[in-house]
Amino acid sequence: ITGILSTLGNGYVIFMSSKRKKKLRPAEIMTVNLAVCDLGISVVGKPFSIISFFSHRWMFGWIGCRWYGWAGFFFGCGSLITMTAVSLDRYLKICHLSYGTWLKRHHAFICLAIIWAYATFWATVPFAGVGNYAPEPFGTSCTLDWWLAQASVAGQAFVLSILFFCLLFPTAVIVFSYVKIILKVKSSTKEVAHYDSRIQNSHILEMKLTKVAMLICAGFLFAWIPYAVVSVWSAFGRPDSVPIQFSVIPTLLAKSAAMYNPIIYQVIDCKFACCRSGGLKAKSSLKKSRTYTISAHGDSTAMNETQLE
């Protein structure tokens, strides 16, 4: 069910975005990249795990295990770093307007290249002999070999590096960005109400994108934090201290993260569309009842300076 819903949902987001690809804002380009990562998890990883689940054992050998572990970590890391970039984009757009207006589409594509390079580096590091991929305790899927931390100091260094650069540091950036955004929004909501309608509409759109980003990040962290806790417990706790039955639940919860994002995006988008249509109706009725008075005794330069909407 998770595989089907995530494939259809993320495929739909990518398809709809491709129809207006030249009009996508930088934050929306990041959202599309997030959908690509989630689709990669669904298409590349789900068939392996589903077949193994029904067979009650891993069916694809050692090479298949390493491929499955690499793909899951690669796309998962790509998702988290993408959300980190989105949170920074929202932070700059809301809290530092001078920097926010400087960010353009080509900066978003440069950021995408950095994201894919970052995910590729950390997913490929285990193949260099520093770490490895291994079967999960329940034996029907594969992941990073967290148990290397039990064997050597090098294994501990590998696990700690992965935890810091691929979980703790990105999560800290995300939390910092949205805490600052919330504080800024609380202090500036009344100020925006005094601006003209064009600035208000721009502010509403930026807040809509921020809400989408916040919910997506919250859903991702809700899904992956339990898995990270169990992994650290396995790495630094007593051997076999995590019950096998208990280790299945965080794994399935983490894999379900790929299907949340399209649902969040569409719900917020539909709500925003409804609010926008209501606002347009109110604006049109206001225009009908509005009268403009221009002084007839002013000179021509004064008349030229009069702006009518």
Foldseek 3Di string as FASTA:
>chain_A
DLLVLLQVLLVVLLVVCVVVVVPDWLLSVLLNQLSVLLNQCSPVQVVQLVVLVVVQARDDDDVSQQSNQLSVQLSLLLNLLSLLVSLVLLLCVQPPVVVNVVDGNVNSVVSNVVSNVVSNVLSCVCVVVLWGKDADPSHRHIHTPLQVLVPDPSSVVNLVVCCVPRPVVSVVSNVVSVVSNVVSCVVCVVVQVPDDPVSVVVVLVSVLSVQLSVVLNVLQCVLQVVLVVVSVCCNPPDDPPQPSVNNVVSVVSNSSSSSPNSVSNVVSVVVVVVVVVVVVVVVVVVVVPDDDDDDPPDDPVVVVPDDDD
